[in-house]
Amino acid sequence: MTTRRLFAVALVVSLLVAGVASYYASSHPDGLEYVAEQTGFIDSAEDSATVDSPLADYQTSGVDDARISGGLAGVIGVVVMLLLSTGLFWLVRRRGTDDDESGIVDSGDVDSDDARAERARQSEA
């Protein structure tokens, strides 16, 4: 499997999990909120600073259908993380020397397939 195909399959699976399977996730509150309810100190909690954000509480604001709202929030999260991680990897990627325009650094220790094939041809002759 090529790297490009692997990334494409991983993206599709991530989008399906975020957009479809997230609807079937537990509707119970997260662990801390659950413990706060059980022990009786949930009323002393303050709202988060992001309570009015478009994706607060794993929902998309402005979308009335809970299934679509949660799935859309998951898909938006996957896309945002993909863009952020791609940008980060692009910024820190290893760059070649000025002589090497391809961006691939040749360590000199690893034989390329072409070099091995050439040596095999020479030894057969």
PDB file of N, CA and C in Angstrom:
ATOM      1  N   MET A   1       0.849  -1.170   0.000  1.00  0.00           N
ATOM      2  CA  MET A   1       0.000   0.000   0.000  1.00  0.00           C
ATOM      3  C   MET A   1       0.898   1.237   0.000  1.00  0.00           C
ATOM      4  N   THR A   2       0.599   2.153  -0.883  1.00  0.00           N
ATOM      5  CA  THR A   2       1.401   3.362  -0.965  1.00  0.00           C
ATOM      6  C   THR A   2       1.078   4.287   0.204  1.00  0.00           C
ATOM      7  N   THR A   3       1.987   5.188   0.471  1.00  0.00           N
ATOM      8  CA  THR A   3       1.794   6.144   1.560  1.00  0.00           C
ATOM      9  C   THR A   3       0.583   7.026   1.300  1.00  0.00           C
ATOM     10  N   ARG A   4       0.421   7.453   0.079  1.00  0.00           N
ATOM     11  CA  ARG A   4      -0.716   8.319  -0.273  1.00  0.00           C
ATOM     12  C   ARG A   4      -2.038   7.585  -0.039  1.00  0.00           C
ATOM     13  N   ARG A   5      -2.080   6.323  -0.422  1.00  0.00           N
ATOM     14  CA  ARG A   5      -3.310   5.543  -0.225  1.00  0.00           C
ATOM     15  C   ARG A   5      -3.568   5.318   1.261  1.00  0.00           C
ATOM     16  N   LEU A   6      -2.517   5.063   2.028  1.00  0.00           N
ATOM     17  CA  LEU A   6      -2.657   4.882   3.471  1.00  0.00           C
ATOM     18  C   LEU A   6      -3.242   6.140   4.119  1.00  0.00           C
ATOM     19  N   PHE A   7      -2.727   7.305   3.734  1.00  0.00           N
ATOM     20  CA  PHE A   7      -3.255   8.559   4.280  1.00  0.00           C
ATOM     21  C   PHE A   7      -4.705   8.781   3.868  1.00  0.00           C
ATOM     22  N   ALA A   8      -5.049   8.444   2.645  1.00  0.00           N
ATOM     23  CA  ALA A   8      -6.420   8.614   2.175  1.00  0.00           C
ATOM     24  C   ALA A   8      -7.379   7.710   2.952  1.00  0.00           C
ATOM     25  N   VAL A   9      -6.983   6.465   3.164  1.00  0.00           N
ATOM     26  CA  VAL A   9      -7.816   5.536   3.928  1.00  0.00           C
ATOM     27  C   VAL A   9      -7.948   6.004   5.375  1.00  0.00           C
ATOM     28  N   ALA A  10      -6.850   6.452   5.968  1.00  0.00           N
ATOM     29  CA  ALA A  10      -6.894   6.948   7.348  1.00  0.00           C
ATOM     30  C   ALA A  10      -7.800   8.169   7.463  1.00  0.00           C
ATOM     31  N   LEU A  11      -7.758   9.061   6.477  1.00  0.00           N
ATOM     32  CA  LEU A  11      -8.625  10.240   6.496  1.00  0.00           C
ATOM     33  C   LEU A  11     -10.094   9.853   6.388  1.00  0.00           C
ATOM     34  N   VAL A  12     -10.404   8.937   5.487  1.00  0.00           N
ATOM     35  CA  VAL A  12     -11.794   8.495   5.328  1.00  0.00           C
ATOM     36  C   VAL A  12     -12.299   7.828   6.608  1.00  0.00           C
ATOM     37  N   VAL A  13     -11.486   6.966   7.198  1.00  0.00           N
ATOM     38  CA  VAL A  13     -11.888   6.303   8.444  1.00  0.00           C
ATOM     39  C   VAL A  13     -12.078   7.330   9.555  1.00  0.00           C
ATOM     40  N   SER A  14     -11.179   8.297   9.662  1.00  0.00           N
ATOM     41  CA  SER A  14     -11.294   9.340  10.689  1.00  0.00           C
ATOM     42  C   SER A  14     -12.566  10.148  10.510  1.00  0.00           C
ATOM     43  N   LEU A  15     -12.867  10.508   9.268  1.00  0.00           N
ATOM     44  CA  LEU A  15     -14.080  11.274   9.004  1.00  0.00           C
ATOM     45  C   LEU A  15     -15.337  10.459   9.306  1.00  0.00           C
ATOM     46  N   LEU A  16     -15.322   9.171   8.991  1.00  0.00           N
ATOM     47  CA  LEU A  16     -16.473   8.322   9.293  1.00  0.00           C
ATOM     48  C   LEU A  16     -16.670   8.162  10.801  1.00  0.00           C
ATOM     49  N   VAL A  17     -15.574   7.958  11.523  1.00  0.00           N
ATOM     50  CA  VAL A  17     -15.686   7.830  12.980  1.00  0.00           C
ATOM     51  C   VAL A  17     -16.187   9.136  13.583  1.00  0.00           C
ATOM     52  N   ALA A  18     -15.627  10.256  13.143  1.00  0.00           N
ATOM     53  CA  ALA A  18     -16.010  11.555  13.701  1.00  0.00           C
ATOM     54  C   ALA A  18     -17.430  11.938  13.298  1.00  0.00           C
ATOM     55  N   GLY A  19     -17.806  11.658  12.066  1.00  0.00           N
ATOM     56  CA  GLY A  19     -19.102  12.104  11.570  1.00  0.00           C
ATOM     57  C   GLY A  19     -20.247  11.160  11.833  1.00  0.00           C
ATOM     58  N   VAL A  20     -19.979   9.857  11.846  1.00  0.00           N
ATOM     59  CA  VAL A  20     -21.067   8.883  11.972  1.00  0.00           C
ATOM     60  C   VAL A  20     -21.028   8.168  13.322  1.00  0.00           C
ATOM     61  N   ALA A  21     -19.902   7.583  13.653  1.00  0.00           N
ATOM     62  CA  ALA A  21     -19.825   6.787  14.877  1.00  0.00           C
ATOM     63  C   ALA A  21     -19.933   7.639  16.133  1.00  0.00           C
ATOM     64  N   SER A  22     -19.603   8.917  16.033  1.00  0.00           N
ATOM     65  CA  SER A  22     -19.689   9.780  17.214  1.00  0.00           C
ATOM     66  C   SER A  22     -21.118   9.894  17.729  1.00  0.00           C
ATOM     67  N   TYR A  23     -22.091   9.720  16.852  1.00  0.00           N
ATOM     68  CA  TYR A  23     -23.485   9.790  17.293  1.00  0.00           C
ATOM     69  C   TYR A  23     -23.811   8.658  18.267  1.00  0.00           C
ATOM     70  N   TYR A  24     -23.149   7.542  18.113  1.00  0.00           N
ATOM     71  CA  TYR A  24     -23.438   6.382  18.946  1.00  0.00           C
ATOM     72  C   TYR A  24     -22.577   6.331  20.206  1.00  0.00           C
ATOM     73  N   ALA A  25     -21.775   7.349  20.432  1.00  0.00           N
ATOM     74  CA  ALA A  25     -20.944   7.407  21.634  1.00  0.00           C
ATOM     75  C   ALA A  25     -21.839   7.643  22.855  1.00  0.00           C
ATOM     76  N   SER A  26     -21.283   7.457  24.005  1.00  0.00           N
ATOM     77  CA  SER A  26     -22.033   7.612  25.250  1.00  0.00           C
ATOM     78  C   SER A  26     -22.583   9.023  25.384  1.00  0.00           C
ATOM     79  N   SER A  27     -23.822   9.102  25.830  1.00  0.00           N
ATOM     80  CA  SER A  27     -24.437  10.417  26.047  1.00  0.00           C
ATOM     81  C   SER A  27     -24.212  10.897  27.472  1.00  0.00           C
ATOM     82  N   HIS A  28     -23.546  10.084  28.286  1.00  0.00           N
ATOM     83  CA  HIS A  28     -23.246  10.492  29.656  1.00  0.00           C
ATOM     84  C   HIS A  28     -22.156  11.559  29.645  1.00  0.00           C
ATOM     85  N   PRO A  29     -22.154  12.419  30.651  1.00  0.00           N
ATOM     86  CA  PRO A  29     -21.119  13.450  30.704  1.00  0.00           C
ATOM     87  C   PRO A  29     -19.738  12.845  30.910  1.00  0.00           C
ATOM     88  N   ASP A  30     -18.706  13.659  30.677  1.00  0.00           N
ATOM     89  CA  ASP A  30     -17.348  13.159  30.849  1.00  0.00           C
ATOM     90  C   ASP A  30     -17.092  12.791  32.307  1.00  0.00           C
ATOM     91  N   GLY A  31     -15.969  12.173  32.590  1.00  0.00           N
ATOM     92  CA  GLY A  31     -15.673  11.637  33.921  1.00  0.00           C
ATOM     93  C   GLY A  31     -15.730  12.656  35.032  1.00  0.00           C
ATOM     94  N   LEU A  32     -15.110  13.808  34.836  1.00  0.00           N
ATOM     95  CA  LEU A  32     -15.079  14.825  35.882  1.00  0.00           C
ATOM     96  C   LEU A  32     -16.481  15.359  36.163  1.00  0.00           C
ATOM     97  N   GLU A  33     -17.235  15.602  35.107  1.00  0.00           N
ATOM     98  CA  GLU A  33     -18.594  16.106  35.283  1.00  0.00           C
ATOM     99  C   GLU A  33     -19.473  15.061  35.974  1.00  0.00           C
ATOM    100  N   TYR A  34     -19.293  13.801  35.632  1.00  0.00           N
ATOM    101  CA  TYR A  34     -20.062  12.721  36.249  1.00  0.00           C
ATOM    102  C   TYR A  34     -19.767  12.639  37.748  1.00  0.00           C
ATOM    103  N   VAL A  35     -18.499  12.699  38.117  1.00  0.00           N
ATOM    104  CA  VAL A  35     -18.115  12.641  39.530  1.00  0.00           C
ATOM    105  C   VAL A  35     -18.660  13.853  40.272  1.00  0.00           C
ATOM    106  N   ALA A  36     -18.623  15.017  39.629  1.00  0.00           N
ATOM    107  CA  ALA A  36     -19.156  16.227  40.260  1.00  0.00           C
ATOM    108  C   ALA A  36     -20.651  16.095  40.513  1.00  0.00           C
ATOM    109  N   GLU A  37     -21.378  15.472  39.594  1.00  0.00           N
ATOM    110  CA  GLU A  37     -22.815  15.246  39.802  1.00  0.00           C
ATOM    111  C   GLU A  37     -23.046  14.253  40.933  1.00  0.00           C
ATOM    112  N   GLN A  38     -22.275  13.179  40.946  1.00  0.00           N
ATOM    113  CA  GLN A  38     -22.463  12.132  41.948  1.00  0.00           C
ATOM    114  C   GLN A  38     -22.108  12.593  43.358  1.00  0.00           C
ATOM    115  N   THR A  39     -21.112  13.440  43.484  1.00  0.00           N
ATOM    116  CA  THR A  39     -20.681  13.887  44.811  1.00  0.00           C
ATOM    117  C   THR A  39     -21.347  15.184  45.242  1.00  0.00           C
ATOM    118  N   GLY A  40     -22.107  15.815  44.335  1.00  0.00           N
ATOM    119  CA  GLY A  40     -22.909  16.962  44.719  1.00  0.00           C
ATOM    120  C   GLY A  40     -22.249  18.316  44.611  1.00  0.00           C
ATOM    121  N   PHE A  41     -21.119  18.449  43.926  1.00  0.00           N
ATOM    122  CA  PHE A  41     -20.526  19.775  43.797  1.00  0.00           C
ATOM    123  C   PHE A  41     -20.598  20.323  42.370  1.00  0.00           C
ATOM    124  N   ILE A  42     -21.514  19.791  41.561  1.00  0.00           N
ATOM    125  CA  ILE A  42     -21.664  20.265  40.184  1.00  0.00           C
ATOM    126  C   ILE A  42     -22.162  21.711  40.149  1.00  0.00           C
ATOM    127  N   ASP A  43     -22.925  22.120  41.161  1.00  0.00           N
ATOM    128  CA  ASP A  43     -23.468  23.485  41.180  1.00  0.00           C
ATOM    129  C   ASP A  43     -22.392  24.540  41.420  1.00  0.00           C
ATOM    130  N   SER A  44     -21.256  24.138  41.975  1.00  0.00           N
ATOM    131  CA  SER A  44     -20.190  25.113  42.227  1.00  0.00           C
ATOM    132  C   SER A  44     -19.292  25.317  41.003  1.00  0.00           C
ATOM    133  N   ALA A  45     -19.526  24.563  39.938  1.00  0.00           N
ATOM    134  CA  ALA A  45     -18.710  24.685  38.728  1.00  0.00           C
ATOM    135  C   ALA A  45     -19.063  25.964  37.974  1.00  0.00           C
ATOM    136  N   GLU A  46     -18.061  26.554  37.340  1.00  0.00           N
ATOM    137  CA  GLU A  46     -18.269  27.737  36.513  1.00  0.00           C
ATOM    138  C   GLU A  46     -18.204  27.332  35.049  1.00  0.00           C
ATOM    139  N   ASP A  47     -18.881  28.104  34.215  1.00  0.00           N
ATOM    140  CA  ASP A  47     -18.851  27.827  32.788  1.00  0.00           C
ATOM    141  C   ASP A  47     -17.458  28.066  32.228  1.00  0.00           C
ATOM    142  N   SER A  48     -17.134  27.298  31.224  1.00  0.00           N
ATOM    143  CA  SER A  48     -15.848  27.447  30.543  1.00  0.00           C
ATOM    144  C   SER A  48     -15.813  28.763  29.783  1.00  0.00           C
ATOM    145  N   ALA A  49     -14.625  29.253  29.525  1.00  0.00           N
ATOM    146  CA  ALA A  49     -14.473  30.478  28.739  1.00  0.00           C
ATOM    147  C   ALA A  49     -14.897  30.255  27.293  1.00  0.00           C
ATOM    148  N   THR A  50     -14.953  29.004  26.864  1.00  0.00           N
ATOM    149  CA  THR A  50     -15.324  28.697  25.483  1.00  0.00           C
ATOM    150  C   THR A  50     -16.765  28.218  25.355  1.00  0.00           C
ATOM    151  N   VAL A  51     -17.589  28.475  26.354  1.00  0.00           N
ATOM    152  CA  VAL A  51     -18.965  27.986  26.347  1.00  0.00           C
ATOM    153  C   VAL A  51     -19.776  28.543  25.171  1.00  0.00           C
ATOM    154  N   ASP A  52     -19.402  29.701  24.661  1.00  0.00           N
ATOM    155  CA  ASP A  52     -20.124  30.301  23.542  1.00  0.00           C
ATOM    156  C   ASP A  52     -19.456  30.050  22.197  1.00  0.00           C
ATOM    157  N   SER A  53     -18.441  29.193  22.160  1.00  0.00           N
ATOM    158  CA  SER A  53     -17.742  28.927  20.898  1.00  0.00           C
ATOM    159  C   SER A  53     -18.640  28.103  19.970  1.00  0.00           C
ATOM    160  N   PRO A  54     -18.363  28.127  18.673  1.00  0.00           N
ATOM    161  CA  PRO A  54     -19.218  27.424  17.710  1.00  0.00           C
ATOM    162  C   PRO A  54     -19.260  25.904  17.900  1.00  0.00           C
ATOM    163  N   LEU A  55     -18.265  25.313  18.532  1.00  0.00           N
ATOM    164  CA  LEU A  55     -18.229  23.858  18.698  1.00  0.00           C
ATOM    165  C   LEU A  55     -18.265  23.446  20.170  1.00  0.00           C
ATOM    166  N   ALA A  56     -18.849  24.271  21.024  1.00  0.00           N
ATOM    167  CA  ALA A  56     -18.893  23.971  22.456  1.00  0.00           C
ATOM    168  C   ALA A  56     -19.760  22.747  22.725  1.00  0.00           C
ATOM    169  N   ASP A  57     -19.366  21.984  23.716  1.00  0.00           N
ATOM    170  CA  ASP A  57     -20.112  20.813  24.187  1.00  0.00           C
ATOM    171  C   ASP A  57     -20.310  19.759  23.092  1.00  0.00           C
ATOM    172  N   TYR A  58     -19.319  19.620  22.210  1.00  0.00           N
ATOM    173  CA  TYR A  58     -19.322  18.620  21.140  1.00  0.00           C
ATOM    174  C   TYR A  58     -20.509  18.763  20.202  1.00  0.00           C
ATOM    175  N   GLN A  59     -20.996  19.976  20.029  1.00  0.00           N
ATOM    176  CA  GLN A  59     -22.111  20.272  19.132  1.00  0.00           C
ATOM    177  C   GLN A  59     -21.742  21.466  18.270  1.00  0.00           C
ATOM    178  N   THR A  60     -22.428  21.607  17.146  1.00  0.00           N
ATOM    179  CA  THR A  60     -22.214  22.745  16.259  1.00  0.00           C
ATOM    180  C   THR A  60     -23.349  23.734  16.499  1.00  0.00           C
ATOM    181  N   SER A  61     -23.004  24.959  16.878  1.00  0.00           N
ATOM    182  CA  SER A  61     -24.053  25.939  17.151  1.00  0.00           C
ATOM    183  C   SER A  61     -24.779  26.284  15.859  1.00  0.00           C
ATOM    184  N   GLY A  62     -26.085  26.500  15.977  1.00  0.00           N
ATOM    185  CA  GLY A  62     -26.902  26.841  14.824  1.00  0.00           C
ATOM    186  C   GLY A  62     -27.493  25.637  14.118  1.00  0.00           C
ATOM    187  N   VAL A  63     -27.135  24.422  14.528  1.00  0.00           N
ATOM    188  CA  VAL A  63     -27.691  23.203  13.930  1.00  0.00           C
ATOM    189  C   VAL A  63     -28.591  22.560  14.970  1.00  0.00           C
ATOM    190  N   ASP A  64     -29.872  22.419  14.639  1.00  0.00           N
ATOM    191  CA  ASP A  64     -30.845  21.937  15.619  1.00  0.00           C
ATOM    192  C   ASP A  64     -30.839  20.422  15.802  1.00  0.00           C
ATOM    193  N   ASP A  65     -30.578  19.665  14.758  1.00  0.00           N
ATOM    194  CA  ASP A  65     -30.568  18.202  14.835  1.00  0.00           C
ATOM    195  C   ASP A  65     -29.307  17.751  15.573  1.00  0.00           C
ATOM    196  N   ALA A  66     -29.482  17.058  16.696  1.00  0.00           N
ATOM    197  CA  ALA A  66     -28.344  16.642  17.535  1.00  0.00           C
ATOM    198  C   ALA A  66     -27.401  15.709  16.782  1.00  0.00           C
ATOM    199  N   ARG A  67     -27.950  14.811  15.975  1.00  0.00           N
ATOM    200  CA  ARG A  67     -27.119  13.857  15.227  1.00  0.00           C
ATOM    201  C   ARG A  67     -26.229  14.594  14.226  1.00  0.00           C
ATOM    202  N   ILE A  68     -26.807  15.481  13.464  1.00  0.00           N
ATOM    203  CA  ILE A  68     -26.041  16.235  12.465  1.00  0.00           C
ATOM    204  C   ILE A  68     -25.073  17.196  13.154  1.00  0.00           C
ATOM    205  N   SER A  69     -25.517  17.821  14.233  1.00  0.00           N
ATOM    206  CA  SER A  69     -24.688  18.790  14.944  1.00  0.00           C
ATOM    207  C   SER A  69     -23.429  18.145  15.514  1.00  0.00           C
ATOM    208  N   GLY A  70     -23.572  17.000  16.151  1.00  0.00           N
ATOM    209  CA  GLY A  70     -22.415  16.294  16.717  1.00  0.00           C
ATOM    210  C   GLY A  70     -21.489  15.752  15.645  1.00  0.00           C
ATOM    211  N   GLY A  71     -22.068  15.192  14.588  1.00  0.00           N
ATOM    212  CA  GLY A  71     -21.261  14.672  13.486  1.00  0.00           C
ATOM    213  C   GLY A  71     -20.501  15.767  12.771  1.00  0.00           C
ATOM    214  N   LEU A  72     -21.161  16.894  12.568  1.00  0.00           N
ATOM    215  CA  LEU A  72     -20.514  18.021  11.912  1.00  0.00           C
ATOM    216  C   LEU A  72     -19.374  18.575  12.772  1.00  0.00           C
ATOM    217  N   ALA A  73     -19.589  18.626  14.078  1.00  0.00           N
ATOM    218  CA  ALA A  73     -18.523  19.084  14.982  1.00  0.00           C
ATOM    219  C   ALA A  73     -17.324  18.139  14.897  1.00  0.00           C
ATOM    220  N   GLY A  74     -17.577  16.833  14.820  1.00  0.00           N
ATOM    221  CA  GLY A  74     -16.488  15.864  14.692  1.00  0.00           C
ATOM    222  C   GLY A  74     -15.732  16.011  13.393  1.00  0.00           C
ATOM    223  N   VAL A  75     -16.453  16.185  12.292  1.00  0.00           N
ATOM    224  CA  VAL A  75     -15.816  16.340  10.985  1.00  0.00           C
ATOM    225  C   VAL A  75     -14.997  17.631  10.949  1.00  0.00           C
ATOM    226  N   ILE A  76     -15.546  18.720  11.491  1.00  0.00           N
ATOM    227  CA  ILE A  76     -14.802  19.982  11.539  1.00  0.00           C
ATOM    228  C   ILE A  76     -13.534  19.802  12.374  1.00  0.00           C
ATOM    229  N   GLY A  77     -13.632  19.075  13.480  1.00  0.00           N
ATOM    230  CA  GLY A  77     -12.458  18.818  14.314  1.00  0.00           C
ATOM    231  C   GLY A  77     -11.379  18.042  13.573  1.00  0.00           C
ATOM    232  N   VAL A  78     -11.781  17.027  12.817  1.00  0.00           N
ATOM    233  CA  VAL A  78     -10.813  16.240  12.036  1.00  0.00           C
ATOM    234  C   VAL A  78     -10.135  17.121  10.994  1.00  0.00           C
ATOM    235  N   VAL A  79     -10.909  17.930  10.280  1.00  0.00           N
ATOM    236  CA  VAL A  79     -10.350  18.785   9.232  1.00  0.00           C
ATOM    237  C   VAL A  79      -9.398  19.823   9.832  1.00  0.00           C
ATOM    238  N   VAL A  80      -9.797  20.436  10.948  1.00  0.00           N
ATOM    239  CA  VAL A  80      -8.932  21.440  11.585  1.00  0.00           C
ATOM    240  C   VAL A  80      -7.628  20.796  12.048  1.00  0.00           C
ATOM    241  N   MET A  81      -7.703  19.631  12.665  1.00  0.00           N
ATOM    242  CA  MET A  81      -6.486  18.953  13.129  1.00  0.00           C
ATOM    243  C   MET A  81      -5.620  18.519  11.946  1.00  0.00           C
ATOM    244  N   LEU A  82      -6.230  18.104  10.852  1.00  0.00           N
ATOM    245  CA  LEU A  82      -5.468  17.738   9.659  1.00  0.00           C
ATOM    246  C   LEU A  82      -4.711  18.949   9.119  1.00  0.00           C
ATOM    247  N   LEU A  83      -5.394  20.088   9.052  1.00  0.00           N
ATOM    248  CA  LEU A  83      -4.736  21.303   8.560  1.00  0.00           C
ATOM    249  C   LEU A  83      -3.616  21.750   9.497  1.00  0.00           C
ATOM    250  N   LEU A  84      -3.869  21.729  10.801  1.00  0.00           N
ATOM    251  CA  LEU A  84      -2.841  22.139  11.760  1.00  0.00           C
ATOM    252  C   LEU A  84      -1.636  21.207  11.733  1.00  0.00           C
ATOM    253  N   SER A  85      -1.886  19.899  11.722  1.00  0.00           N
ATOM    254  CA  SER A  85      -0.762  18.955  11.730  1.00  0.00           C
ATOM    255  C   SER A  85       0.007  18.995  10.412  1.00  0.00           C
ATOM    256  N   THR A  86      -0.692  19.153   9.297  1.00  0.00           N
ATOM    257  CA  THR A  86      -0.009  19.269   8.014  1.00  0.00           C
ATOM    258  C   THR A  86       0.862  20.515   7.986  1.00  0.00           C
ATOM    259  N   GLY A  87       0.325  21.621   8.483  1.00  0.00           N
ATOM    260  CA  GLY A  87       1.113  22.850   8.551  1.00  0.00           C
ATOM    261  C   GLY A  87       2.327  22.702   9.441  1.00  0.00           C
ATOM    262  N   LEU A  88       2.156  22.046  10.578  1.00  0.00           N
ATOM    263  CA  LEU A  88       3.276  21.830  11.493  1.00  0.00           C
ATOM    264  C   LEU A  88       4.340  20.941  10.861  1.00  0.00           C
ATOM    265  N   PHE A  89       3.926  19.849  10.244  1.00  0.00           N
ATOM    266  CA  PHE A  89       4.888  18.967   9.587  1.00  0.00           C
ATOM    267  C   PHE A  89       5.584  19.681   8.433  1.00  0.00           C
ATOM    268  N   TRP A  90       4.860  20.528   7.717  1.00  0.00           N
ATOM    269  CA  TRP A  90       5.458  21.277   6.623  1.00  0.00           C
ATOM    270  C   TRP A  90       6.520  22.234   7.150  1.00  0.00           C
ATOM    271  N   LEU A  91       6.254  22.859   8.297  1.00  0.00           N
ATOM    272  CA  LEU A  91       7.215  23.801   8.869  1.00  0.00           C
ATOM    273  C   LEU A  91       8.482  23.127   9.385  1.00  0.00           C
ATOM    274  N   VAL A  92       8.360  21.945   9.956  1.00  0.00           N
ATOM    275  CA  VAL A  92       9.516  21.305  10.584  1.00  0.00           C
ATOM    276  C   VAL A  92      10.136  20.201   9.732  1.00  0.00           C
ATOM    277  N   ARG A  93       9.650  20.034   8.520  1.00  0.00           N
ATOM    278  CA  ARG A  93      10.171  18.942   7.684  1.00  0.00           C
ATOM    279  C   ARG A  93      11.655  19.139   7.428  1.00  0.00           C
ATOM    280  N   ARG A  94      12.291  18.065   7.141  1.00  0.00           N
ATOM    281  CA  ARG A  94      13.724  18.081   6.883  1.00  0.00           C
ATOM    282  C   ARG A  94      13.962  18.591   5.480  1.00  0.00           C
ATOM    283  N   ARG A  95      14.808  19.548   5.364  1.00  0.00           N
ATOM    284  CA  ARG A  95      15.085  20.138   4.062  1.00  0.00           C
ATOM    285  C   ARG A  95      16.473  19.723   3.604  1.00  0.00           C
ATOM    286  N   GLY A  96      16.620  19.592   2.277  1.00  0.00           N
ATOM    287  CA  GLY A  96      17.906  19.219   1.705  1.00  0.00           C
ATOM    288  C   GLY A  96      18.857  20.400   1.654  1.00  0.00           C
ATOM    289  N   THR A  97      20.072  20.143   1.184  1.00  0.00           N
ATOM    290  CA  THR A  97      21.059  21.199   1.018  1.00  0.00           C
ATOM    291  C   THR A  97      20.710  22.025  -0.203  1.00  0.00           C
ATOM    292  N   ASP A  98      21.464  23.092  -0.448  1.00  0.00           N
ATOM    293  CA  ASP A  98      21.226  23.943  -1.608  1.00  0.00           C
ATOM    294  C   ASP A  98      21.433  23.181  -2.913  1.00  0.00           C
ATOM    295  N   ASP A  99      22.331  22.179  -2.892  1.00  0.00           N
ATOM    296  CA  ASP A  99      22.606  21.399  -4.098  1.00  0.00           C
ATOM    297  C   ASP A  99      21.474  20.435  -4.412  1.00  0.00           C
ATOM    298  N   ASP A 100      20.728  20.056  -3.401  1.00  0.00           N
ATOM    299  CA  ASP A 100      19.678  19.063  -3.568  1.00  0.00           C
ATOM    300  C   ASP A 100      18.323  19.765  -3.574  1.00  0.00           C
ATOM    301  N   GLU A 101      17.758  19.986  -4.736  1.00  0.00           N
ATOM    302  CA  GLU A 101      16.494  20.714  -4.875  1.00  0.00           C
ATOM    303  C   GLU A 101      15.296  19.867  -4.476  1.00  0.00           C
ATOM    304  N   SER A 102      15.452  18.541  -4.392  1.00  0.00           N
ATOM    305  CA  SER A 102      14.310  17.672  -4.120  1.00  0.00           C
ATOM    306  C   SER A 102      13.862  17.720  -2.674  1.00  0.00           C
ATOM    307  N   GLY A 103      14.698  18.186  -1.761  1.00  0.00           N
ATOM    308  CA  GLY A 103      14.329  18.207  -0.352  1.00  0.00           C
ATOM    309  C   GLY A 103      14.658  16.910   0.362  1.00  0.00           C
ATOM    310  N   ILE A 104      15.250  15.957  -0.354  1.00  0.00           N
ATOM    311  CA  ILE A 104      15.601  14.678   0.248  1.00  0.00           C
ATOM    312  C   ILE A 104      17.077  14.721   0.624  1.00  0.00           C
ATOM    313  N   VAL A 105      17.374  14.391   1.850  1.00  0.00           N
ATOM    314  CA  VAL A 105      18.753  14.411   2.319  1.00  0.00           C
ATOM    315  C   VAL A 105      19.339  13.024   2.121  1.00  0.00           C
ATOM    316  N   ASP A 106      20.470  12.939   1.425  1.00  0.00           N
ATOM    317  CA  ASP A 106      21.142  11.672   1.177  1.00  0.00           C
ATOM    318  C   ASP A 106      22.148  11.442   2.289  1.00  0.00           C
ATOM    319  N   SER A 107      21.932  10.405   3.075  1.00  0.00           N
ATOM    320  CA  SER A 107      22.825  10.146   4.200  1.00  0.00           C
ATOM    321  C   SER A 107      24.108   9.459   3.759  1.00  0.00           C
ATOM    322  N   GLY A 108      24.111   8.860   2.581  1.00  0.00           N
ATOM    323  CA  GLY A 108      25.306   8.194   2.088  1.00  0.00           C
ATOM    324  C   GLY A 108      25.449   6.782   2.632  1.00  0.00           C
ATOM    325  N   ASP A 109      24.730   6.429   3.688  1.00  0.00           N
ATOM    326  CA  ASP A 109      24.838   5.103   4.273  1.00  0.00           C
ATOM    327  C   ASP A 109      23.859   4.110   3.653  1.00  0.00           C
ATOM    328  N   VAL A 110      22.816   4.597   3.059  1.00  0.00           N
ATOM    329  CA  VAL A 110      21.768   3.732   2.542  1.00  0.00           C
ATOM    330  C   VAL A 110      21.895   3.655   1.033  1.00  0.00           C
ATOM    331  N   ASP A 111      21.972   2.436   0.508  1.00  0.00           N
ATOM    332  CA  ASP A 111      22.031   2.244  -0.934  1.00  0.00           C
ATOM    333  C   ASP A 111      20.648   2.463  -1.529  1.00  0.00           C
ATOM    334  N   SER A 112      20.609   3.152  -2.646  1.00  0.00           N
ATOM    335  CA  SER A 112      19.343   3.296  -3.342  1.00  0.00           C
ATOM    336  C   SER A 112      19.105   2.036  -4.160  1.00  0.00           C
ATOM    337  N   ASP A 113      17.858   1.852  -4.566  1.00  0.00           N
ATOM    338  CA  ASP A 113      17.526   0.691  -5.391  1.00  0.00           C
ATOM    339  C   ASP A 113      18.282   0.744  -6.717  1.00  0.00           C
ATOM    340  N   ASP A 114      18.440   1.948  -7.250  1.00  0.00           N
ATOM    341  CA  ASP A 114      19.161   2.095  -8.520  1.00  0.00           C
ATOM    342  C   ASP A 114      20.626   1.687  -8.383  1.00  0.00           C
ATOM    343  N   ALA A 115      21.270   2.073  -7.279  1.00  0.00           N
ATOM    344  CA  ALA A 115      22.679   1.735  -7.071  1.00  0.00           C
ATOM    345  C   ALA A 115      22.852   0.229  -6.925  1.00  0.00           C
ATOM    346  N   ARG A 116      21.955  -0.409  -6.184  1.00  0.00           N
ATOM    347  CA  ARG A 116      22.035  -1.869  -6.033  1.00  0.00           C
ATOM    348  C   ARG A 116      21.806  -2.576  -7.353  1.00  0.00           C
ATOM    349  N   ALA A 117      20.841  -2.106  -8.140  1.00  0.00           N
ATOM    350  CA  ALA A 117      20.562  -2.726  -9.437  1.00  0.00           C
ATOM    351  C   ALA A 117      21.755  -2.564 -10.376  1.00  0.00           C
ATOM    352  N   GLU A 118      22.398  -1.408 -10.345  1.00  0.00           N
ATOM    353  CA  GLU A 118      23.573  -1.169 -11.195  1.00  0.00           C
ATOM    354  C   GLU A 118      24.719  -2.096 -10.799  1.00  0.00           C
ATOM    355  N   ARG A 119      24.947  -2.263  -9.495  1.00  0.00           N
ATOM    356  CA  ARG A 119      26.023  -3.173  -9.048  1.00  0.00           C
ATOM    357  C   ARG A 119      25.704  -4.616  -9.447  1.00  0.00           C
ATOM    358  N   ALA A 120      24.433  -4.997  -9.376  1.00  0.00           N
ATOM    359  CA  ALA A 120      24.056  -6.357  -9.757  1.00  0.00           C
ATOM    360  C   ALA A 120      24.297  -6.576 -11.252  1.00  0.00           C
ATOM    361  N   ARG A 121      23.963  -5.566 -12.071  1.00  0.00           N
ATOM    362  CA  ARG A 121      24.200  -5.674 -13.504  1.00  0.00           C
ATOM    363  C   ARG A 121      25.695  -5.792 -13.808  1.00  0.00           C
ATOM    364  N   GLN A 122      26.519  -5.015 -13.098  1.00  0.00           N
ATOM    365  CA  GLN A 122      27.965  -5.036 -13.326  1.00  0.00           C
ATOM    366  C   GLN A 122      28.562  -6.365 -12.899  1.00  0.00           C
ATOM    367  N   SER A 123      28.046  -6.958 -11.828  1.00  0.00           N
ATOM    368  CA  SER A 123      28.615  -8.226 -11.374  1.00  0.00           C
ATOM    369  C   SER A 123      28.219  -9.387 -12.288  1.00  0.00           C
ATOM    370  N   GLU A 124      27.089  -9.262 -12.963  1.00  0.00           N
ATOM    371  CA  GLU A 124      26.660 -10.307 -13.893  1.00  0.00           C
ATOM    372  C   GLU A 124      27.463 -10.245 -15.204  1.00  0.00           C
ATOM    373  N   ALA A 125      27.976  -9.091 -15.551  1.00  0.00           N
ATOM    374  CA  ALA A 125      28.672  -8.915 -16.833  1.00  0.00           C
ATOM    375  C   ALA A 125      30.079  -9.445 -16.810  1.00  0.00           C
TER     376      ALA A 125
END
